[in-house]
Amino acid sequence: MKHKIQKILKNRIFIFVLGGLLFSTVSVCAVTYFDSKNVTYNNKESGLSSTNVQGAIDELYSMCLPQILIGDIILENESIITSGEGLYVDAYEGGRYFFKGKNVNNYITFNNETWRIVSIEPDKSIKIMKDASIGKQVWDTSESSDWARPADLNTYLNETYYNGLTNTAQNQTVSKKYSIGGVHGSNDINNLSNIINSENASKWSGKVALITLSEYLRSNSNQNNCNTVILNNDNHSICQNTTWMTHNNDMWTLTFRLDYKNSVFYLYNGYIYYGNTDIFVSTPHEIYPVLYIKPEIQITGGDGSQNNPYTLSE
């Protein structure tokens, strides 16, 4: 939209007509940023870089624009769909959008690595997950499933791992609230709404975490057969091919099981494992970090495809 308007502004006939408005619409906007006594023909004296009318109009236009947020850019680039593979309005939490399906254009370059966009959030920040594991590690050596305690994996991700990101990458991220509530392995796993509500019952604020169980289920484009733990596992051969989050290894989620001590859900090639013993948090599994990108960070290129991922401004 900005480029289209700027193209119009560069039309000489339009500039002539616009001249009559310089002391109304544009001038009103200008004095928002500068004292009127400083607004002169030579715009350098007003703090602008332009020395001609056209340049001044372009600069004033840019300054008066509402801020374009990263989530809005992606929403403009992607069509919202209701079936198949692509970007969906979330049916459970207002203002969120999820990428669903096996082959979706949710690739993004972050920290000079390939990541995937999980969701667009209500404030138009985006939640992303690393596309490759950073290695295996136990959840907690003391066999606690309390992420906020903090668990050993929490400390590792938010200190050692986060401090290893580039300065640019750190400046692009924002601390957010993550859903860390436990899910009842007998009652909740047959109902996605129950899983989401149980996860949302407890929150933790931080920089880096993991994918939740419900976010994994919501990434599947086959919601009829794959949107609960039982359905996913019963239809495993189908469900592993209808989500982009499937990996050929065992990966941790952020969600623990309420009715068994120290048992955390993990995934293996699309199958959801949830134990009935108290040893699972001390078993190492693959780590796929999850974090949020600030809404004000701009996309400077790419279309989200695997060969041309979105790129971020520094």
C-alpha atoms as a PDB file:
ATOM      1  CA  MET A   1       0.000   0.000   0.000  1.00  0.00           C
ATOM      2  CA  LYS A   2       2.797   2.439   0.893  1.00  0.00           C
ATOM      3  CA  HIS A   3       4.507   1.933  -2.459  1.00  0.00           C
ATOM      4  CA  LYS A   4       1.241   2.472  -4.346  1.00  0.00           C
ATOM      5  CA  ILE A   5       0.588   5.775  -2.567  1.00  0.00           C
ATOM      6  CA  GLN A   6       4.165   6.925  -3.061  1.00  0.00           C
ATOM      7  CA  LYS A   7       3.821   6.190  -6.789  1.00  0.00           C
ATOM      8  CA  ILE A   8       0.774   8.471  -6.888  1.00  0.00           C
ATOM      9  CA  LEU A   9       2.616  11.170  -4.971  1.00  0.00           C
ATOM     10  CA  LYS A  10       5.355  11.216  -7.616  1.00  0.00           C
ATOM     11  CA  ASN A  11       2.835  12.135 -10.340  1.00  0.00           C
ATOM     12  CA  ARG A  12       3.431  15.835 -11.221  1.00  0.00           C
ATOM     13  CA  ILE A  13      -0.251  16.596 -11.853  1.00  0.00           C
ATOM     14  CA  PHE A  14      -1.150  15.131  -8.494  1.00  0.00           C
ATOM     15  CA  ILE A  15       1.622  17.132  -6.838  1.00  0.00           C
ATOM     16  CA  PHE A  16       0.145  20.353  -8.297  1.00  0.00           C
ATOM     17  CA  VAL A  17      -3.258  19.524  -6.814  1.00  0.00           C
ATOM     18  CA  LEU A  18      -1.680  18.431  -3.586  1.00  0.00           C
ATOM     19  CA  GLY A  19       0.079  21.761  -3.276  1.00  0.00           C
ATOM     20  CA  GLY A  20      -3.153  23.375  -2.211  1.00  0.00           C
ATOM     21  CA  LEU A  21      -3.396  20.934   0.641  1.00  0.00           C
ATOM     22  CA  LEU A  22       0.113  21.399   1.991  1.00  0.00           C
ATOM     23  CA  PHE A  23      -1.044  23.869   4.590  1.00  0.00           C
ATOM     24  CA  SER A  24      -3.996  21.700   5.629  1.00  0.00           C
ATOM     25  CA  THR A  25      -3.627  17.916   5.763  1.00  0.00           C
ATOM     26  CA  VAL A  26       0.147  17.571   5.392  1.00  0.00           C
ATOM     27  CA  SER A  27       0.930  20.689   7.379  1.00  0.00           C
ATOM     28  CA  VAL A  28      -1.236  19.552  10.254  1.00  0.00           C
ATOM     29  CA  CYS A  29       0.705  16.318  10.322  1.00  0.00           C
ATOM     30  CA  ALA A  30       4.013  18.169  10.058  1.00  0.00           C
ATOM     31  CA  VAL A  31       3.426  20.330  13.100  1.00  0.00           C
ATOM     32  CA  THR A  32       2.782  17.186  15.085  1.00  0.00           C
ATOM     33  CA  TYR A  33       6.491  16.557  14.829  1.00  0.00           C
ATOM     34  CA  PHE A  34       7.951  20.051  14.483  1.00  0.00           C
ATOM     35  CA  ASP A  35       7.312  23.538  15.860  1.00  0.00           C
ATOM     36  CA  SER A  36       5.586  25.555  13.176  1.00  0.00           C
ATOM     37  CA  LYS A  37       8.312  28.219  13.249  1.00  0.00           C
ATOM     38  CA  ASN A  38      10.809  25.554  12.144  1.00  0.00           C
ATOM     39  CA  VAL A  39       8.837  24.333   9.132  1.00  0.00           C
ATOM     40  CA  THR A  40      10.523  26.078   6.208  1.00  0.00           C
ATOM     41  CA  TYR A  41      11.025  25.527   2.512  1.00  0.00           C
ATOM     42  CA  ASN A  42      14.466  24.075   3.209  1.00  0.00           C
ATOM     43  CA  ASN A  43      13.377  21.036   5.168  1.00  0.00           C
ATOM     44  CA  LYS A  44      16.854  20.402   6.558  1.00  0.00           C
ATOM     45  CA  GLU A  45      16.162  23.241   8.979  1.00  0.00           C
ATOM     46  CA  SER A  46      13.199  21.243  10.291  1.00  0.00           C
ATOM     47  CA  GLY A  47      15.191  18.092  10.862  1.00  0.00           C
ATOM     48  CA  LEU A  48      14.266  16.442   7.553  1.00  0.00           C
ATOM     49  CA  SER A  49      16.810  15.275   5.019  1.00  0.00           C
ATOM     50  CA  SER A  50      15.002  16.462   1.874  1.00  0.00           C
ATOM     51  CA  THR A  51      15.748  19.772   0.148  1.00  0.00           C
ATOM     52  CA  ASN A  52      12.815  19.671  -2.276  1.00  0.00           C
ATOM     53  CA  VAL A  53       9.044  19.594  -1.992  1.00  0.00           C
ATOM     54  CA  GLN A  54       8.661  16.062  -3.351  1.00  0.00           C
ATOM     55  CA  GLY A  55      11.176  14.656  -0.890  1.00  0.00           C
ATOM     56  CA  ALA A  56       9.535  16.499   1.975  1.00  0.00           C
ATOM     57  CA  ILE A  57       6.122  15.091   1.055  1.00  0.00           C
ATOM     58  CA  ASP A  58       7.556  11.555   0.953  1.00  0.00           C
ATOM     59  CA  GLU A  59       9.190  11.992   4.340  1.00  0.00           C
ATOM     60  CA  LEU A  60       6.122  13.520   5.938  1.00  0.00           C
ATOM     61  CA  TYR A  61       4.003  10.747   4.496  1.00  0.00           C
ATOM     62  CA  SER A  62       6.272   8.099   6.013  1.00  0.00           C
ATOM     63  CA  MET A  63       6.229   9.793   9.408  1.00  0.00           C
ATOM     64  CA  CYS A  64       2.429  10.070   9.431  1.00  0.00           C
ATOM     65  CA  LEU A  65       1.830   6.447   8.507  1.00  0.00           C
ATOM     66  CA  PRO A  66       0.547   4.134  11.205  1.00  0.00           C
ATOM     67  CA  GLN A  67       3.176   1.578  12.180  1.00  0.00           C
ATOM     68  CA  ILE A  68       3.133  -1.531  10.000  1.00  0.00           C
ATOM     69  CA  LEU A  69       3.463  -4.642  12.161  1.00  0.00           C
ATOM     70  CA  ILE A  70       5.069  -7.924  11.166  1.00  0.00           C
ATOM     71  CA  GLY A  71       1.892  -9.921  11.699  1.00  0.00           C
ATOM     72  CA  ASP A  72      -0.038  -7.598   9.395  1.00  0.00           C
ATOM     73  CA  ILE A  73       2.594  -8.011   6.685  1.00  0.00           C
ATOM     74  CA  ILE A  74       2.244 -11.796   6.798  1.00  0.00           C
ATOM     75  CA  LEU A  75      -1.545 -11.559   6.829  1.00  0.00           C
ATOM     76  CA  GLU A  76      -1.379  -9.347   3.750  1.00  0.00           C
ATOM     77  CA  ASN A  77       0.900 -11.844   2.014  1.00  0.00           C
ATOM     78  CA  GLU A  78      -1.069 -14.972   2.945  1.00  0.00           C
ATOM     79  CA  SER A  79      -4.675 -15.794   2.107  1.00  0.00           C
ATOM     80  CA  ILE A  80      -6.776 -16.900   5.076  1.00  0.00           C
ATOM     81  CA  ILE A  81      -8.237 -20.328   4.317  1.00  0.00           C
ATOM     82  CA  THR A  82     -10.750 -22.687   5.916  1.00  0.00           C
ATOM     83  CA  SER A  83      -9.570 -25.958   4.368  1.00  0.00           C
ATOM     84  CA  GLY A  84      -6.351 -27.382   2.980  1.00  0.00           C
ATOM     85  CA  GLU A  85      -2.852 -26.175   3.825  1.00  0.00           C
ATOM     86  CA  GLY A  86      -2.092 -22.611   4.809  1.00  0.00           C
ATOM     87  CA  LEU A  87      -2.975 -19.886   7.322  1.00  0.00           C
ATOM     88  CA  TYR A  88      -6.129 -20.254   9.427  1.00  0.00           C
ATOM     89  CA  VAL A  89      -7.990 -18.096  11.909  1.00  0.00           C
ATOM     90  CA  ASP A  90      -7.692 -19.906  15.215  1.00  0.00           C
ATOM     91  CA  ALA A  91     -11.021 -21.379  16.259  1.00  0.00           C
ATOM     92  CA  TYR A  92     -10.162 -21.400  19.965  1.00  0.00           C
ATOM     93  CA  GLU A  93      -8.379 -18.160  20.897  1.00  0.00           C
ATOM     94  CA  GLY A  94      -9.475 -14.856  19.397  1.00  0.00           C
ATOM     95  CA  GLY A  95      -6.945 -12.852  17.404  1.00  0.00           C
ATOM     96  CA  ARG A  96      -4.576 -15.750  16.744  1.00  0.00           C
ATOM     97  CA  TYR A  97      -3.752 -17.307  13.370  1.00  0.00           C
ATOM     98  CA  PHE A  98      -2.098 -20.704  12.833  1.00  0.00           C
ATOM     99  CA  PHE A  99      -0.249 -22.269   9.924  1.00  0.00           C
ATOM    100  CA  LYS A 100      -1.712 -25.732   9.332  1.00  0.00           C
ATOM    101  CA  GLY A 101      -0.633 -28.501   6.999  1.00  0.00           C
ATOM    102  CA  LYS A 102       2.471 -30.294   5.791  1.00  0.00           C
ATOM    103  CA  ASN A 103       3.629 -27.853   3.112  1.00  0.00           C
ATOM    104  CA  VAL A 104       3.022 -24.269   4.217  1.00  0.00           C
ATOM    105  CA  ASN A 105       4.857 -21.030   3.508  1.00  0.00           C
ATOM    106  CA  ASN A 106       5.882 -20.282   7.071  1.00  0.00           C
ATOM    107  CA  TYR A 107       9.664 -20.281   6.683  1.00  0.00           C
ATOM    108  CA  ILE A 108      11.596 -17.371   8.183  1.00  0.00           C
ATOM    109  CA  THR A 109      15.291 -16.589   8.628  1.00  0.00           C
ATOM    110  CA  PHE A 110      16.199 -15.760  12.216  1.00  0.00           C
ATOM    111  CA  ASN A 111      19.637 -15.776  13.870  1.00  0.00           C
ATOM    112  CA  ASN A 112      21.005 -16.691  10.402  1.00  0.00           C
ATOM    113  CA  GLU A 113      19.064 -19.979  10.637  1.00  0.00           C
ATOM    114  CA  THR A 114      15.839 -21.431   9.279  1.00  0.00           C
ATOM    115  CA  TRP A 115      12.840 -21.173  11.598  1.00  0.00           C
ATOM    116  CA  ARG A 116       9.098 -21.694  11.078  1.00  0.00           C
ATOM    117  CA  ILE A 117       6.207 -19.398  11.977  1.00  0.00           C
ATOM    118  CA  VAL A 118       3.858 -21.133  14.396  1.00  0.00           C
ATOM    119  CA  SER A 119       1.277 -18.387  14.807  1.00  0.00           C
ATOM    120  CA  ILE A 120       0.438 -14.726  14.462  1.00  0.00           C
ATOM    121  CA  GLU A 121      -0.546 -13.322  17.846  1.00  0.00           C
ATOM    122  CA  PRO A 122      -3.289 -10.785  18.703  1.00  0.00           C
ATOM    123  CA  ASP A 123      -0.698  -7.979  19.103  1.00  0.00           C
ATOM    124  CA  LYS A 124       0.712  -8.976  15.669  1.00  0.00           C
ATOM    125  CA  SER A 125       3.933 -10.372  17.072  1.00  0.00           C
ATOM    126  CA  ILE A 126       4.779 -13.796  15.653  1.00  0.00           C
ATOM    127  CA  LYS A 127       5.670 -17.026  17.408  1.00  0.00           C
ATOM    128  CA  ILE A 128       8.409 -19.029  15.703  1.00  0.00           C
ATOM    129  CA  MET A 129      10.032 -22.443  16.195  1.00  0.00           C
ATOM    130  CA  LYS A 130      13.488 -23.508  15.086  1.00  0.00           C
ATOM    131  CA  ASP A 131      13.307 -25.914  12.160  1.00  0.00           C
ATOM    132  CA  ALA A 132      16.127 -28.097  13.471  1.00  0.00           C
ATOM    133  CA  SER A 133      16.895 -29.494  16.892  1.00  0.00           C
ATOM    134  CA  ILE A 134      19.640 -27.913  18.992  1.00  0.00           C
ATOM    135  CA  GLY A 135      20.355 -31.283  20.608  1.00  0.00           C
ATOM    136  CA  LYS A 136      19.026 -33.584  23.283  1.00  0.00           C
ATOM    137  CA  GLN A 137      18.629 -32.666  26.927  1.00  0.00           C
ATOM    138  CA  VAL A 138      16.593 -33.763  29.919  1.00  0.00           C
ATOM    139  CA  TRP A 139      13.694 -31.604  31.071  1.00  0.00           C
ATOM    140  CA  ASP A 140      14.930 -31.519  34.637  1.00  0.00           C
ATOM    141  CA  THR A 141      17.568 -33.502  36.472  1.00  0.00           C
ATOM    142  CA  SER A 142      15.576 -33.400  39.713  1.00  0.00           C
ATOM    143  CA  GLU A 143      12.590 -34.920  37.864  1.00  0.00           C
ATOM    144  CA  SER A 144      10.348 -31.872  38.237  1.00  0.00           C
ATOM    145  CA  SER A 145       7.809 -30.959  35.556  1.00  0.00           C
ATOM    146  CA  ASP A 146       7.413 -27.403  36.881  1.00  0.00           C
ATOM    147  CA  TRP A 147       8.750 -25.219  34.057  1.00  0.00           C
ATOM    148  CA  ALA A 148       8.583 -22.045  36.151  1.00  0.00           C
ATOM    149  CA  ARG A 149      10.574 -23.519  39.067  1.00  0.00           C
ATOM    150  CA  PRO A 150      12.696 -23.107  36.843  1.00  0.00           C
ATOM    151  CA  ALA A 151      13.263 -26.479  35.242  1.00  0.00           C
ATOM    152  CA  ASP A 152      16.805 -27.153  34.060  1.00  0.00           C
ATOM    153  CA  LEU A 153      15.710 -26.904  30.425  1.00  0.00           C
ATOM    154  CA  ASN A 154      14.109 -23.517  31.135  1.00  0.00           C
ATOM    155  CA  THR A 155      17.391 -22.211  32.573  1.00  0.00           C
ATOM    156  CA  TYR A 156      19.402 -23.580  29.671  1.00  0.00           C
ATOM    157  CA  LEU A 157      17.172 -22.034  26.998  1.00  0.00           C
ATOM    158  CA  ASN A 158      16.839 -18.621  28.643  1.00  0.00           C
ATOM    159  CA  GLU A 159      20.462 -18.244  29.666  1.00  0.00           C
ATOM    160  CA  THR A 160      22.981 -20.382  27.777  1.00  0.00           C
ATOM    161  CA  TYR A 161      21.016 -20.719  24.550  1.00  0.00           C
ATOM    162  CA  TYR A 162      19.565 -17.187  24.457  1.00  0.00           C
ATOM    163  CA  ASN A 163      22.945 -15.595  25.222  1.00  0.00           C
ATOM    164  CA  GLY A 164      24.374 -17.496  22.258  1.00  0.00           C
ATOM    165  CA  LEU A 165      22.044 -15.781  19.791  1.00  0.00           C
ATOM    166  CA  THR A 166      23.436 -12.899  17.763  1.00  0.00           C
ATOM    167  CA  ASN A 167      22.893  -9.370  19.114  1.00  0.00           C
ATOM    168  CA  THR A 168      20.583  -8.702  16.170  1.00  0.00           C
ATOM    169  CA  ALA A 169      18.485 -11.763  16.948  1.00  0.00           C
ATOM    170  CA  GLN A 170      18.222 -10.855  20.624  1.00  0.00           C
ATOM    171  CA  ASN A 171      17.026  -7.364  19.707  1.00  0.00           C
ATOM    172  CA  GLN A 172      14.331  -8.868  17.467  1.00  0.00           C
ATOM    173  CA  THR A 173      12.805 -10.996  20.233  1.00  0.00           C
ATOM    174  CA  VAL A 174      10.399 -10.042  22.990  1.00  0.00           C
ATOM    175  CA  SER A 175       9.676 -11.644  26.345  1.00  0.00           C
ATOM    176  CA  LYS A 176       6.140 -13.040  26.453  1.00  0.00           C
ATOM    177  CA  LYS A 177       3.768 -15.101  28.548  1.00  0.00           C
ATOM    178  CA  TYR A 178       3.814 -18.806  27.697  1.00  0.00           C
ATOM    179  CA  SER A 179       1.080 -21.264  28.652  1.00  0.00           C
ATOM    180  CA  ILE A 180       2.621 -23.852  30.989  1.00  0.00           C
ATOM    181  CA  GLY A 181      -0.438 -25.432  32.619  1.00  0.00           C
ATOM    182  CA  GLY A 182      -0.691 -29.187  32.951  1.00  0.00           C
ATOM    183  CA  VAL A 183      -3.129 -31.406  31.057  1.00  0.00           C
ATOM    184  CA  HIS A 184      -5.054 -34.269  32.642  1.00  0.00           C
ATOM    185  CA  GLY A 185      -4.120 -37.405  30.753  1.00  0.00           C
ATOM    186  CA  SER A 186      -7.510 -39.048  31.204  1.00  0.00           C
ATOM    187  CA  ASN A 187     -10.003 -36.194  30.863  1.00  0.00           C
ATOM    188  CA  ASP A 188      -8.399 -33.547  28.627  1.00  0.00           C
ATOM    189  CA  ILE A 189      -6.700 -35.525  25.897  1.00  0.00           C
ATOM    190  CA  ASN A 190      -9.986 -36.267  24.133  1.00  0.00           C
ATOM    191  CA  ASN A 191     -10.917 -32.581  23.786  1.00  0.00           C
ATOM    192  CA  LEU A 192      -8.738 -29.837  22.293  1.00  0.00           C
ATOM    193  CA  SER A 193     -10.651 -27.043  24.057  1.00  0.00           C
ATOM    194  CA  ASN A 194      -9.961 -28.718  27.395  1.00  0.00           C
ATOM    195  CA  ILE A 195      -6.276 -29.015  26.552  1.00  0.00           C
ATOM    196  CA  ILE A 196      -6.047 -25.297  25.669  1.00  0.00           C
ATOM    197  CA  ASN A 197      -7.902 -24.238  28.813  1.00  0.00           C
ATOM    198  CA  SER A 198      -5.704 -26.445  30.996  1.00  0.00           C
ATOM    199  CA  GLU A 199      -2.515 -25.103  29.420  1.00  0.00           C
ATOM    200  CA  ASN A 200      -3.727 -21.497  29.828  1.00  0.00           C
ATOM    201  CA  ALA A 201      -4.464 -22.024  33.522  1.00  0.00           C
ATOM    202  CA  SER A 202      -0.825 -21.256  34.329  1.00  0.00           C
ATOM    203  CA  LYS A 203       1.475 -18.714  32.675  1.00  0.00           C
ATOM    204  CA  TRP A 204       5.203 -18.032  32.710  1.00  0.00           C
ATOM    205  CA  SER A 205       6.969 -14.959  31.313  1.00  0.00           C
ATOM    206  CA  GLY A 206      10.262 -15.443  29.515  1.00  0.00           C
ATOM    207  CA  LYS A 207      12.184 -15.293  26.254  1.00  0.00           C
ATOM    208  CA  VAL A 208      12.496 -18.905  25.066  1.00  0.00           C
ATOM    209  CA  ALA A 209      10.339 -21.986  25.625  1.00  0.00           C
ATOM    210  CA  LEU A 210       8.906 -24.935  23.673  1.00  0.00           C
ATOM    211  CA  ILE A 211       5.825 -25.715  21.632  1.00  0.00           C
ATOM    212  CA  THR A 212       2.725 -26.610  23.631  1.00  0.00           C
ATOM    213  CA  LEU A 213       0.694 -29.752  23.083  1.00  0.00           C
ATOM    214  CA  SER A 214      -2.293 -27.770  21.797  1.00  0.00           C
ATOM    215  CA  GLU A 215      -0.167 -25.810  19.339  1.00  0.00           C
ATOM    216  CA  TYR A 216       1.108 -29.054  17.892  1.00  0.00           C
ATOM    217  CA  LEU A 217      -2.460 -30.324  17.487  1.00  0.00           C
ATOM    218  CA  ARG A 218      -3.564 -27.016  15.956  1.00  0.00           C
ATOM    219  CA  SER A 219      -0.805 -27.197  13.334  1.00  0.00           C
ATOM    220  CA  ASN A 220      -2.569 -30.146  11.705  1.00  0.00           C
ATOM    221  CA  SER A 221      -4.756 -29.390   8.688  1.00  0.00           C
ATOM    222  CA  ASN A 222      -6.732 -32.610   9.266  1.00  0.00           C
ATOM    223  CA  GLN A 223      -8.667 -31.475  12.322  1.00  0.00           C
ATOM    224  CA  ASN A 224     -11.364 -34.115  11.900  1.00  0.00           C
ATOM    225  CA  ASN A 225      -8.924 -36.962  12.500  1.00  0.00           C
ATOM    226  CA  CYS A 226      -6.007 -35.328  14.327  1.00  0.00           C
ATOM    227  CA  ASN A 227      -7.118 -32.603  16.767  1.00  0.00           C
ATOM    228  CA  THR A 228      -6.946 -34.628  20.004  1.00  0.00           C
ATOM    229  CA  VAL A 229      -4.235 -36.819  21.483  1.00  0.00           C
ATOM    230  CA  ILE A 230      -6.299 -39.990  21.063  1.00  0.00           C
ATOM    231  CA  LEU A 231      -7.333 -39.171  17.486  1.00  0.00           C
ATOM    232  CA  ASN A 232      -3.772 -38.205  16.561  1.00  0.00           C
ATOM    233  CA  ASN A 233      -2.352 -41.454  17.861  1.00  0.00           C
ATOM    234  CA  ASP A 234      -5.137 -43.635  16.454  1.00  0.00           C
ATOM    235  CA  ASN A 235      -4.648 -42.014  13.037  1.00  0.00           C
ATOM    236  CA  HIS A 236      -0.905 -41.662  13.336  1.00  0.00           C
ATOM    237  CA  SER A 237      -0.080 -42.701   9.771  1.00  0.00           C
ATOM    238  CA  ILE A 238      -2.408 -39.949   8.472  1.00  0.00           C
ATOM    239  CA  CYS A 239      -1.679 -37.215  10.992  1.00  0.00           C
ATOM    240  CA  GLN A 240       2.100 -37.277  10.586  1.00  0.00           C
ATOM    241  CA  ASN A 241       1.610 -36.193   6.960  1.00  0.00           C
ATOM    242  CA  THR A 242      -0.782 -33.314   7.638  1.00  0.00           C
ATOM    243  CA  THR A 243       1.360 -31.142   9.923  1.00  0.00           C
ATOM    244  CA  TRP A 244       4.627 -29.313   9.297  1.00  0.00           C
ATOM    245  CA  MET A 245       5.778 -29.966  12.890  1.00  0.00           C
ATOM    246  CA  THR A 246       6.489 -33.656  12.316  1.00  0.00           C
ATOM    247  CA  HIS A 247      10.133 -34.602  12.880  1.00  0.00           C
ATOM    248  CA  ASN A 248      11.841 -37.951  12.658  1.00  0.00           C
ATOM    249  CA  ASN A 249      12.961 -37.763  16.259  1.00  0.00           C
ATOM    250  CA  ASP A 250      11.630 -37.333  19.763  1.00  0.00           C
ATOM    251  CA  MET A 251      10.950 -33.697  20.684  1.00  0.00           C
ATOM    252  CA  TRP A 252       9.859 -32.094  23.938  1.00  0.00           C
ATOM    253  CA  THR A 253       6.672 -30.067  24.334  1.00  0.00           C
ATOM    254  CA  LEU A 254       6.033 -27.512  27.064  1.00  0.00           C
ATOM    255  CA  THR A 255       2.972 -29.345  28.418  1.00  0.00           C
ATOM    256  CA  PHE A 256       3.124 -31.703  31.382  1.00  0.00           C
ATOM    257  CA  ARG A 257       0.649 -34.310  32.569  1.00  0.00           C
ATOM    258  CA  LEU A 258      -1.340 -33.407  35.693  1.00  0.00           C
ATOM    259  CA  ASP A 259      -2.383 -36.881  36.769  1.00  0.00           C
ATOM    260  CA  TYR A 260       1.092 -38.452  36.739  1.00  0.00           C
ATOM    261  CA  LYS A 261       4.011 -36.942  38.575  1.00  0.00           C
ATOM    262  CA  ASN A 262       6.813 -35.510  36.452  1.00  0.00           C
ATOM    263  CA  SER A 263       5.541 -36.690  33.080  1.00  0.00           C
ATOM    264  CA  VAL A 264       5.814 -34.284  30.114  1.00  0.00           C
ATOM    265  CA  PHE A 265       4.271 -34.831  26.665  1.00  0.00           C
ATOM    266  CA  TYR A 266       6.760 -35.386  23.868  1.00  0.00           C
ATOM    267  CA  LEU A 267       6.438 -36.149  20.173  1.00  0.00           C
ATOM    268  CA  TYR A 268       8.018 -38.768  17.975  1.00  0.00           C
ATOM    269  CA  ASN A 269       7.447 -38.595  14.228  1.00  0.00           C
ATOM    270  CA  GLY A 270       3.957 -37.251  14.828  1.00  0.00           C
ATOM    271  CA  TYR A 271       3.024 -39.652  17.624  1.00  0.00           C
ATOM    272  CA  ILE A 272       2.245 -38.102  21.028  1.00  0.00           C
ATOM    273  CA  TYR A 273       3.784 -39.839  24.026  1.00  0.00           C
ATOM    274  CA  TYR A 274       2.548 -39.257  27.550  1.00  0.00           C
ATOM    275  CA  GLY A 275       3.889 -41.469  30.277  1.00  0.00           C
ATOM    276  CA  ASN A 276       2.343 -43.036  33.327  1.00  0.00           C
ATOM    277  CA  THR A 277       5.538 -43.079  35.356  1.00  0.00           C
ATOM    278  CA  ASP A 278       7.642 -40.401  37.030  1.00  0.00           C
ATOM    279  CA  ILE A 279      10.850 -40.794  35.008  1.00  0.00           C
ATOM    280  CA  PHE A 280      10.075 -39.004  31.739  1.00  0.00           C
ATOM    281  CA  VAL A 281      11.439 -35.544  32.619  1.00  0.00           C
ATOM    282  CA  SER A 282      14.838 -37.078  33.309  1.00  0.00           C
ATOM    283  CA  THR A 283      14.967 -38.753  29.880  1.00  0.00           C
ATOM    284  CA  PRO A 284      16.694 -36.644  27.193  1.00  0.00           C
ATOM    285  CA  HIS A 285      14.699 -35.606  24.130  1.00  0.00           C
ATOM    286  CA  GLU A 286      15.341 -33.231  21.215  1.00  0.00           C
ATOM    287  CA  ILE A 287      14.910 -29.492  21.777  1.00  0.00           C
ATOM    288  CA  TYR A 288      13.212 -27.188  19.246  1.00  0.00           C
ATOM    289  CA  PRO A 289      13.291 -23.672  20.757  1.00  0.00           C
ATOM    290  CA  VAL A 290      10.253 -21.411  20.466  1.00  0.00           C
ATOM    291  CA  LEU A 291      10.224 -17.618  20.875  1.00  0.00           C
ATOM    292  CA  TYR A 292       8.415 -14.429  19.831  1.00  0.00           C
ATOM    293  CA  ILE A 293       9.460 -11.765  17.306  1.00  0.00           C
ATOM    294  CA  LYS A 294       8.583  -8.171  18.229  1.00  0.00           C
ATOM    295  CA  PRO A 295       5.560  -6.869  16.298  1.00  0.00           C
ATOM    296  CA  GLU A 296       7.439  -3.758  15.132  1.00  0.00           C
ATOM    297  CA  ILE A 297      10.191  -5.757  13.384  1.00  0.00           C
ATOM    298  CA  GLN A 298       9.788  -5.447   9.623  1.00  0.00           C
ATOM    299  CA  ILE A 299       9.984  -8.099   6.910  1.00  0.00           C
ATOM    300  CA  THR A 300      12.464  -6.967   4.270  1.00  0.00           C
ATOM    301  CA  GLY A 301      12.144  -9.815   1.772  1.00  0.00           C
ATOM    302  CA  GLY A 302      11.037 -13.338   0.984  1.00  0.00           C
ATOM    303  CA  ASP A 303       7.618 -14.890   0.584  1.00  0.00           C
ATOM    304  CA  GLY A 304       7.719 -17.533   3.320  1.00  0.00           C
ATOM    305  CA  SER A 305       8.477 -20.447   1.000  1.00  0.00           C
ATOM    306  CA  GLN A 306      11.254 -22.894   1.792  1.00  0.00           C
ATOM    307  CA  ASN A 307      13.451 -21.556  -1.003  1.00  0.00           C
ATOM    308  CA  ASN A 308      12.669 -17.920  -0.233  1.00  0.00           C
ATOM    309  CA  PRO A 309      12.000 -17.538   3.517  1.00  0.00           C
ATOM    310  CA  TYR A 310      10.911 -14.261   5.071  1.00  0.00           C
ATOM    311  CA  THR A 311      13.823 -12.068   6.144  1.00  0.00           C
ATOM    312  CA  LEU A 312      13.779  -9.581   9.004  1.00  0.00           C
ATOM    313  CA  SER A 313      15.068  -6.035   9.286  1.00  0.00           C
ATOM    314  CA  GLU A 314      17.912  -5.435  11.686  1.00  0.00           C
END
